[in-house]
């Protein structure tokens, strides 16, 4: 429950911080932030995994989601004026 509240609060703060950005940039930032939150949740699950295989799979999933977040950020940086 605390993680959900943290994600919602962070999303609200990012929305306020995005006031000087275009709607596309703001949307991309929100997507990236949500992906990073998902990656953090997956990593937390990996830390609590009961088997090494489960932990490795969750860590890999977390890294893949983090890479997706980075790709969104890079795309916005490369296409913004």
PDB file of N, CA and C in Angstrom:
ATOM      1  N   UNK A   1       0.820  -1.179   0.000  1.00  0.00           N
ATOM      2  CA  UNK A   1       0.000   0.000   0.000  1.00  0.00           C
ATOM      3  C   UNK A   1       0.869   1.250   0.000  1.00  0.00           C
ATOM      4  N   UNK A   2       1.988   1.206   0.739  1.00  0.00           N
ATOM      5  CA  UNK A   2       2.872   2.363   0.783  1.00  0.00           C
ATOM      6  C   UNK A   2       3.481   2.637  -0.585  1.00  0.00           C
ATOM      7  N   UNK A   3       3.796   1.579  -1.319  1.00  0.00           N
ATOM      8  CA  UNK A   3       4.391   1.754  -2.647  1.00  0.00           C
ATOM      9  C   UNK A   3       3.408   2.421  -3.593  1.00  0.00           C
ATOM     10  N   UNK A   4       2.153   2.044  -3.509  1.00  0.00           N
ATOM     11  CA  UNK A   4       1.135   2.646  -4.377  1.00  0.00           C
ATOM     12  C   UNK A   4       1.001   4.126  -4.053  1.00  0.00           C
ATOM     13  N   UNK A   5       0.974   4.455  -2.765  1.00  0.00           N
ATOM     14  CA  UNK A   5       0.868   5.864  -2.367  1.00  0.00           C
ATOM     15  C   UNK A   5       2.088   6.642  -2.833  1.00  0.00           C
ATOM     16  N   UNK A   6       3.266   6.030  -2.739  1.00  0.00           N
ATOM     17  CA  UNK A   6       4.491   6.690  -3.188  1.00  0.00           C
ATOM     18  C   UNK A   6       4.457   6.940  -4.687  1.00  0.00           C
ATOM     19  N   UNK A   7       4.017   5.957  -5.453  1.00  0.00           N
ATOM     20  CA  UNK A   7       3.934   6.116  -6.906  1.00  0.00           C
ATOM     21  C   UNK A   7       2.935   7.210  -7.265  1.00  0.00           C
ATOM     22  N   UNK A   8       1.798   7.238  -6.596  1.00  0.00           N
ATOM     23  CA  UNK A   8       0.799   8.270  -6.875  1.00  0.00           C
ATOM     24  C   UNK A   8       1.321   9.654  -6.515  1.00  0.00           C
ATOM     25  N   UNK A   9       2.004   9.764  -5.390  1.00  0.00           N
ATOM     26  CA  UNK A   9       2.562  11.057  -4.992  1.00  0.00           C
ATOM     27  C   UNK A   9       3.639  11.503  -5.975  1.00  0.00           C
ATOM     28  N   UNK A  10       4.495  10.569  -6.381  1.00  0.00           N
ATOM     29  CA  UNK A  10       5.550  10.909  -7.337  1.00  0.00           C
ATOM     30  C   UNK A  10       4.962  11.333  -8.669  1.00  0.00           C
ATOM     31  N   UNK A  11       3.927  10.654  -9.110  1.00  0.00           N
ATOM     32  CA  UNK A  11       3.279  11.012 -10.371  1.00  0.00           C
ATOM     33  C   UNK A  11       2.699  12.418 -10.289  1.00  0.00           C
ATOM     34  N   UNK A  12       2.104  12.755  -9.160  1.00  0.00           N
ATOM     35  CA  UNK A  12       1.564  14.099  -8.975  1.00  0.00           C
ATOM     36  C   UNK A  12       2.648  15.154  -8.997  1.00  0.00           C
ATOM     37  N   UNK A  13       3.773  14.866  -8.356  1.00  0.00           N
ATOM     38  CA  UNK A  13       4.881  15.821  -8.359  1.00  0.00           C
ATOM     39  C   UNK A  13       5.468  15.984  -9.751  1.00  0.00           C
ATOM     40  N   UNK A  14       5.563  14.899 -10.488  1.00  0.00           N
ATOM     41  CA  UNK A  14       6.086  14.993 -11.844  1.00  0.00           C
ATOM     42  C   UNK A  14       5.143  15.782 -12.738  1.00  0.00           C
ATOM     43  N   UNK A  15       3.863  15.668 -12.485  1.00  0.00           N
ATOM     44  CA  UNK A  15       2.894  16.429 -13.276  1.00  0.00           C
ATOM     45  C   UNK A  15       3.077  17.924 -13.041  1.00  0.00           C
ATOM     46  N   UNK A  16       3.327  18.308 -11.802  1.00  0.00           N
ATOM     47  CA  UNK A  16       3.563  19.720 -11.494  1.00  0.00           C
ATOM     48  C   UNK A  16       4.890  20.175 -12.090  1.00  0.00           C
ATOM     49  N   UNK A  17       5.905  19.337 -12.009  1.00  0.00           N
ATOM     50  CA  UNK A  17       7.218  19.696 -12.542  1.00  0.00           C
ATOM     51  C   UNK A  17       7.207  19.795 -14.058  1.00  0.00           C
ATOM     52  N   UNK A  18       6.245  19.176 -14.692  1.00  0.00           N
ATOM     53  CA  UNK A  18       6.198  19.141 -16.152  1.00  0.00           C
ATOM     54  C   UNK A  18       5.470  20.336 -16.749  1.00  0.00           C
ATOM     55  N   UNK A  19       5.201  21.346 -15.969  1.00  0.00           N
ATOM     56  CA  UNK A  19       4.431  22.495 -16.462  1.00  0.00           C
ATOM     57  C   UNK A  19       5.110  23.209 -17.628  1.00  0.00           C
ATOM     58  N   UNK A  20       6.419  23.225 -17.678  1.00  0.00           N
ATOM     59  CA  UNK A  20       7.141  23.921 -18.738  1.00  0.00           C
ATOM     60  C   UNK A  20       7.468  23.017 -19.917  1.00  0.00           C
ATOM     61  N   UNK A  21       6.867  21.866 -19.985  1.00  0.00           N
ATOM     62  CA  UNK A  21       7.146  20.907 -21.052  1.00  0.00           C
ATOM     63  C   UNK A  21       5.941  20.796 -21.968  1.00  0.00           C
ATOM     64  N   UNK A  22       6.208  20.280 -23.148  1.00  0.00           N
ATOM     65  CA  UNK A  22       5.106  20.039 -24.074  1.00  0.00           C
ATOM     66  C   UNK A  22       4.279  18.867 -23.549  1.00  0.00           C
ATOM     67  N   UNK A  23       3.054  18.736 -23.994  1.00  0.00           N
ATOM     68  CA  UNK A  23       2.241  17.589 -23.554  1.00  0.00           C
ATOM     69  C   UNK A  23       2.888  16.248 -23.900  1.00  0.00           C
ATOM     70  N   UNK A  24       3.553  16.185 -25.039  1.00  0.00           N
ATOM     71  CA  UNK A  24       4.219  14.937 -25.424  1.00  0.00           C
ATOM     72  C   UNK A  24       5.358  14.615 -24.471  1.00  0.00           C
ATOM     73  N   UNK A  25       6.152  15.626 -24.121  1.00  0.00           N
ATOM     74  CA  UNK A  25       7.254  15.405 -23.186  1.00  0.00           C
ATOM     75  C   UNK A  25       6.733  15.006 -21.809  1.00  0.00           C
ATOM     76  N   UNK A  26       5.676  15.663 -21.377  1.00  0.00           N
ATOM     77  CA  UNK A  26       5.094  15.337 -20.075  1.00  0.00           C
ATOM     78  C   UNK A  26       4.557  13.909 -20.059  1.00  0.00           C
ATOM     79  N   UNK A  27       3.892  13.515 -21.125  1.00  0.00           N
ATOM     80  CA  UNK A  27       3.362  12.150 -21.207  1.00  0.00           C
ATOM     81  C   UNK A  27       4.492  11.128 -21.220  1.00  0.00           C
ATOM     82  N   UNK A  28       5.539  11.419 -21.973  1.00  0.00           N
ATOM     83  CA  UNK A  28       6.684  10.504 -22.030  1.00  0.00           C
ATOM     84  C   UNK A  28       7.359  10.403 -20.669  1.00  0.00           C
ATOM     85  N   UNK A  29       7.468  11.522 -19.964  1.00  0.00           N
ATOM     86  CA  UNK A  29       8.043  11.490 -18.622  1.00  0.00           C
ATOM     87  C   UNK A  29       7.193  10.637 -17.686  1.00  0.00           C
ATOM     88  N   UNK A  30       5.886  10.767 -17.792  1.00  0.00           N
ATOM     89  CA  UNK A  30       4.999   9.950 -16.955  1.00  0.00           C
ATOM     90  C   UNK A  30       5.151   8.470 -17.273  1.00  0.00           C
ATOM     91  N   UNK A  31       5.247   8.142 -18.548  1.00  0.00           N
ATOM     92  CA  UNK A  31       5.443   6.738 -18.946  1.00  0.00           C
ATOM     93  C   UNK A  31       6.762   6.226 -18.382  1.00  0.00           C
ATOM     94  N   UNK A  32       7.815   7.017 -18.551  1.00  0.00           N
ATOM     95  CA  UNK A  32       9.125   6.621 -18.050  1.00  0.00           C
ATOM     96  C   UNK A  32       9.108   6.449 -16.531  1.00  0.00           C
ATOM     97  N   UNK A  33       8.489   7.383 -15.837  1.00  0.00           N
ATOM     98  CA  UNK A  33       8.419   7.298 -14.375  1.00  0.00           C
ATOM     99  C   UNK A  33       7.642   6.069 -13.923  1.00  0.00           C
ATOM    100  N   UNK A  34       6.560   5.766 -14.606  1.00  0.00           N
ATOM    101  CA  UNK A  34       5.781   4.577 -14.256  1.00  0.00           C
ATOM    102  C   UNK A  34       6.571   3.303 -14.529  1.00  0.00           C
ATOM    103  N   UNK A  35       7.321   3.279 -15.622  1.00  0.00           N
ATOM    104  CA  UNK A  35       8.158   2.113 -15.914  1.00  0.00           C
ATOM    105  C   UNK A  35       9.234   1.943 -14.845  1.00  0.00           C
ATOM    106  N   UNK A  36       9.823   3.047 -14.415  1.00  0.00           N
ATOM    107  CA  UNK A  36      10.837   2.961 -13.366  1.00  0.00           C
ATOM    108  C   UNK A  36      10.234   2.461 -12.055  1.00  0.00           C
ATOM    109  N   UNK A  37       9.017   2.878 -11.751  1.00  0.00           N
ATOM    110  CA  UNK A  37       8.344   2.387 -10.546  1.00  0.00           C
ATOM    111  C   UNK A  37       8.075   0.887 -10.656  1.00  0.00           C
ATOM    112  N   UNK A  38       7.685   0.445 -11.842  1.00  0.00           N
ATOM    113  CA  UNK A  38       7.468  -0.992 -12.053  1.00  0.00           C
ATOM    114  C   UNK A  38       8.777  -1.754 -11.876  1.00  0.00           C
ATOM    115  N   UNK A  39       9.862  -1.193 -12.396  1.00  0.00           N
ATOM    116  CA  UNK A  39      11.170  -1.837 -12.254  1.00  0.00           C
ATOM    117  C   UNK A  39      11.561  -1.930 -10.782  1.00  0.00           C
ATOM    118  N   UNK A  40      11.301  -0.874 -10.026  1.00  0.00           N
ATOM    119  CA  UNK A  40      11.598  -0.898  -8.594  1.00  0.00           C
ATOM    120  C   UNK A  40      10.779  -1.969  -7.879  1.00  0.00           C
ATOM    121  N   UNK A  41       9.516  -2.094  -8.244  1.00  0.00           N
ATOM    122  CA  UNK A  41       8.668  -3.120  -7.631  1.00  0.00           C
ATOM    123  C   UNK A  41       9.159  -4.521  -7.972  1.00  0.00           C
ATOM    124  N   UNK A  42       9.560  -4.728  -9.216  1.00  0.00           N
ATOM    125  CA  UNK A  42      10.098  -6.035  -9.605  1.00  0.00           C
ATOM    126  C   UNK A  42      11.381  -6.342  -8.841  1.00  0.00           C
ATOM    127  N   UNK A  43      12.225  -5.335  -8.656  1.00  0.00           N
ATOM    128  CA  UNK A  43      13.466  -5.556  -7.922  1.00  0.00           C
ATOM    129  C   UNK A  43      13.175  -5.868  -6.459  1.00  0.00           C
ATOM    130  N   UNK A  44      12.178  -5.217  -5.890  1.00  0.00           N
ATOM    131  CA  UNK A  44      11.791  -5.518  -4.510  1.00  0.00           C
ATOM    132  C   UNK A  44      11.287  -6.955  -4.397  1.00  0.00           C
ATOM    133  N   UNK A  45      10.544  -7.396  -5.395  1.00  0.00           N
ATOM    134  CA  UNK A  45      10.084  -8.786  -5.404  1.00  0.00           C
ATOM    135  C   UNK A  45      11.273  -9.732  -5.519  1.00  0.00           C
ATOM    136  N   UNK A  46      12.257  -9.359  -6.329  1.00  0.00           N
ATOM    137  CA  UNK A  46      13.451 -10.195  -6.476  1.00  0.00           C
ATOM    138  C   UNK A  46      14.199 -10.297  -5.153  1.00  0.00           C
ATOM    139  N   UNK A  47      14.267  -9.191  -4.428  1.00  0.00           N
ATOM    140  CA  UNK A  47      14.949  -9.200  -3.134  1.00  0.00           C
ATOM    141  C   UNK A  47      14.254 -10.120  -2.135  1.00  0.00           C
ATOM    142  N   UNK A  48      12.948 -10.304  -2.305  1.00  0.00           N
ATOM    143  CA  UNK A  48      12.180 -11.150  -1.392  1.00  0.00           C
ATOM    144  C   UNK A  48      11.915 -12.548  -1.947  1.00  0.00           C
ATOM    145  N   UNK A  49      12.494 -12.869  -3.084  1.00  0.00           N
ATOM    146  CA  UNK A  49      12.253 -14.170  -3.716  1.00  0.00           C
ATOM    147  C   UNK A  49      12.818 -15.293  -2.854  1.00  0.00           C
ATOM    148  N   UNK A  50      12.174 -16.446  -2.956  1.00  0.00           N
ATOM    149  CA  UNK A  50      12.588 -17.579  -2.130  1.00  0.00           C
ATOM    150  C   UNK A  50      13.604 -18.479  -2.817  1.00  0.00           C
ATOM    151  N   UNK A  51      13.719 -18.385  -4.141  1.00  0.00           N
ATOM    152  CA  UNK A  51      14.697 -19.206  -4.851  1.00  0.00           C
ATOM    153  C   UNK A  51      15.595 -18.321  -5.704  1.00  0.00           C
ATOM    154  N   UNK A  52      16.766 -18.820  -5.996  1.00  0.00           N
ATOM    155  CA  UNK A  52      17.718 -18.067  -6.805  1.00  0.00           C
ATOM    156  C   UNK A  52      17.196 -17.862  -8.224  1.00  0.00           C
ATOM    157  N   UNK A  53      16.540 -18.882  -8.774  1.00  0.00           N
ATOM    158  CA  UNK A  53      16.002 -18.759 -10.133  1.00  0.00           C
ATOM    159  C   UNK A  53      14.915 -17.698 -10.205  1.00  0.00           C
ATOM    160  N   UNK A  54      14.058 -17.683  -9.208  1.00  0.00           N
ATOM    161  CA  UNK A  54      12.993 -16.682  -9.169  1.00  0.00           C
ATOM    162  C   UNK A  54      13.587 -15.278  -9.037  1.00  0.00           C
ATOM    163  N   UNK A  55      14.583 -15.139  -8.186  1.00  0.00           N
ATOM    164  CA  UNK A  55      15.232 -13.840  -7.999  1.00  0.00           C
ATOM    165  C   UNK A  55      15.904 -13.377  -9.287  1.00  0.00           C
ATOM    166  N   UNK A  56      16.564 -14.299  -9.972  1.00  0.00           N
ATOM    167  CA  UNK A  56      17.235 -13.942 -11.224  1.00  0.00           C
ATOM    168  C   UNK A  56      16.231 -13.522 -12.289  1.00  0.00           C
ATOM    169  N   UNK A  57      15.128 -14.243 -12.382  1.00  0.00           N
ATOM    170  CA  UNK A  57      14.105 -13.904 -13.379  1.00  0.00           C
ATOM    171  C   UNK A  57      13.498 -12.535 -13.089  1.00  0.00           C
ATOM    172  N   UNK A  58      13.217 -12.258 -11.828  1.00  0.00           N
ATOM    173  CA  UNK A  58      12.645 -10.960 -11.468  1.00  0.00           C
ATOM    174  C   UNK A  58      13.648  -9.830 -11.668  1.00  0.00           C
ATOM    175  N   UNK A  59      14.908 -10.090 -11.382  1.00  0.00           N
ATOM    176  CA  UNK A  59      15.945  -9.079 -11.610  1.00  0.00           C
ATOM    177  C   UNK A  59      16.073  -8.783 -13.096  1.00  0.00           C
ATOM    178  N   UNK A  60      16.053  -9.822 -13.919  1.00  0.00           N
ATOM    179  CA  UNK A  60      16.110  -9.616 -15.371  1.00  0.00           C
ATOM    180  C   UNK A  60      14.907  -8.824 -15.862  1.00  0.00           C
ATOM    181  N   UNK A  61      13.737  -9.146 -15.350  1.00  0.00           N
ATOM    182  CA  UNK A  61      12.533  -8.407 -15.739  1.00  0.00           C
ATOM    183  C   UNK A  61      12.648  -6.946 -15.319  1.00  0.00           C
ATOM    184  N   UNK A  62      13.175  -6.716 -14.132  1.00  0.00           N
ATOM    185  CA  UNK A  62      13.365  -5.353 -13.642  1.00  0.00           C
ATOM    186  C   UNK A  62      14.316  -4.573 -14.546  1.00  0.00           C
ATOM    187  N   UNK A  63      15.404  -5.207 -14.937  1.00  0.00           N
ATOM    188  CA  UNK A  63      16.374  -4.548 -15.816  1.00  0.00           C
ATOM    189  C   UNK A  63      15.776  -4.266 -17.191  1.00  0.00           C
ATOM    190  N   UNK A  64      14.966  -5.187 -17.697  1.00  0.00           N
ATOM    191  CA  UNK A  64      14.313  -4.962 -18.993  1.00  0.00           C
ATOM    192  C   UNK A  64      13.358  -3.778 -18.936  1.00  0.00           C
ATOM    193  N   UNK A  65      12.596  -3.676 -17.865  1.00  0.00           N
ATOM    194  CA  UNK A  65      11.661  -2.557 -17.725  1.00  0.00           C
ATOM    195  C   UNK A  65      12.435  -1.252 -17.565  1.00  0.00           C
ATOM    196  N   UNK A  66      13.528  -1.283 -16.814  1.00  0.00           N
ATOM    197  CA  UNK A  66      14.369  -0.089 -16.658  1.00  0.00           C
ATOM    198  C   UNK A  66      14.944   0.344 -18.006  1.00  0.00           C
ATOM    199  N   UNK A  67      15.341  -0.620 -18.826  1.00  0.00           N
ATOM    200  CA  UNK A  67      15.840  -0.297 -20.169  1.00  0.00           C
ATOM    201  C   UNK A  67      14.749   0.340 -21.024  1.00  0.00           C
ATOM    202  N   UNK A  68      13.520  -0.119 -20.862  1.00  0.00           N
ATOM    203  CA  UNK A  68      12.405   0.498 -21.591  1.00  0.00           C
ATOM    204  C   UNK A  68      12.211   1.943 -21.149  1.00  0.00           C
ATOM    205  N   UNK A  69      12.322   2.196 -19.854  1.00  0.00           N
ATOM    206  CA  UNK A  69      12.192   3.562 -19.337  1.00  0.00           C
ATOM    207  C   UNK A  69      13.292   4.447 -19.907  1.00  0.00           C
ATOM    208  N   UNK A  70      14.512   3.922 -19.947  1.00  0.00           N
ATOM    209  CA  UNK A  70      15.626   4.679 -20.521  1.00  0.00           C
ATOM    210  C   UNK A  70      15.396   4.964 -21.998  1.00  0.00           C
ATOM    211  N   UNK A  71      14.850   3.998 -22.716  1.00  0.00           N
ATOM    212  CA  UNK A  71      14.584   4.186 -24.146  1.00  0.00           C
ATOM    213  C   UNK A  71      13.551   5.282 -24.372  1.00  0.00           C
ATOM    214  N   UNK A  72      12.540   5.335 -23.523  1.00  0.00           N
ATOM    215  CA  UNK A  72      11.529   6.395 -23.639  1.00  0.00           C
ATOM    216  C   UNK A  72      12.181   7.751 -23.397  1.00  0.00           C
ATOM    217  N   UNK A  73      12.992   7.854 -22.350  1.00  0.00           N
ATOM    218  CA  UNK A  73      13.671   9.112 -22.042  1.00  0.00           C
ATOM    219  C   UNK A  73      14.596   9.529 -23.178  1.00  0.00           C
ATOM    220  N   UNK A  74      15.366   8.585 -23.700  1.00  0.00           N
ATOM    221  CA  UNK A  74      16.286   8.890 -24.800  1.00  0.00           C
ATOM    222  C   UNK A  74      15.534   9.355 -26.031  1.00  0.00           C
ATOM    223  N   UNK A  75      14.430   8.708 -26.331  1.00  0.00           N
ATOM    224  CA  UNK A  75      13.647   9.083 -27.508  1.00  0.00           C
ATOM    225  C   UNK A  75      13.132  10.516 -27.380  1.00  0.00           C
ATOM    226  N   UNK A  76      12.651  10.869 -26.206  1.00  0.00           N
ATOM    227  CA  UNK A  76      12.141  12.226 -25.995  1.00  0.00           C
ATOM    228  C   UNK A  76      13.273  13.239 -26.111  1.00  0.00           C
ATOM    229  N   UNK A  77      14.424  12.926 -25.534  1.00  0.00           N
ATOM    230  CA  UNK A  77      15.564  13.841 -25.615  1.00  0.00           C
ATOM    231  C   UNK A  77      16.028  14.024 -27.053  1.00  0.00           C
ATOM    232  N   UNK A  78      16.001  12.969 -27.831  1.00  0.00           N
ATOM    233  CA  UNK A  78      16.489  13.033 -29.208  1.00  0.00           C
ATOM    234  C   UNK A  78      15.497  13.669 -30.167  1.00  0.00           C
ATOM    235  N   UNK A  79      14.226  13.695 -29.808  1.00  0.00           N
ATOM    236  CA  UNK A  79      13.226  14.261 -30.713  1.00  0.00           C
ATOM    237  C   UNK A  79      12.706  15.612 -30.252  1.00  0.00           C
ATOM    238  N   UNK A  80      13.090  16.056 -29.053  1.00  0.00           N
ATOM    239  CA  UNK A  80      12.634  17.359 -28.555  1.00  0.00           C
ATOM    240  C   UNK A  80      13.448  18.470 -29.183  1.00  0.00           C
ATOM    241  N   UNK A  81      12.802  19.612 -29.296  1.00  0.00           N
ATOM    242  CA  UNK A  81      13.504  20.767 -29.854  1.00  0.00           C
ATOM    243  C   UNK A  81      13.962  21.677 -28.762  1.00  0.00           C
TER     244      UNK A  81
END
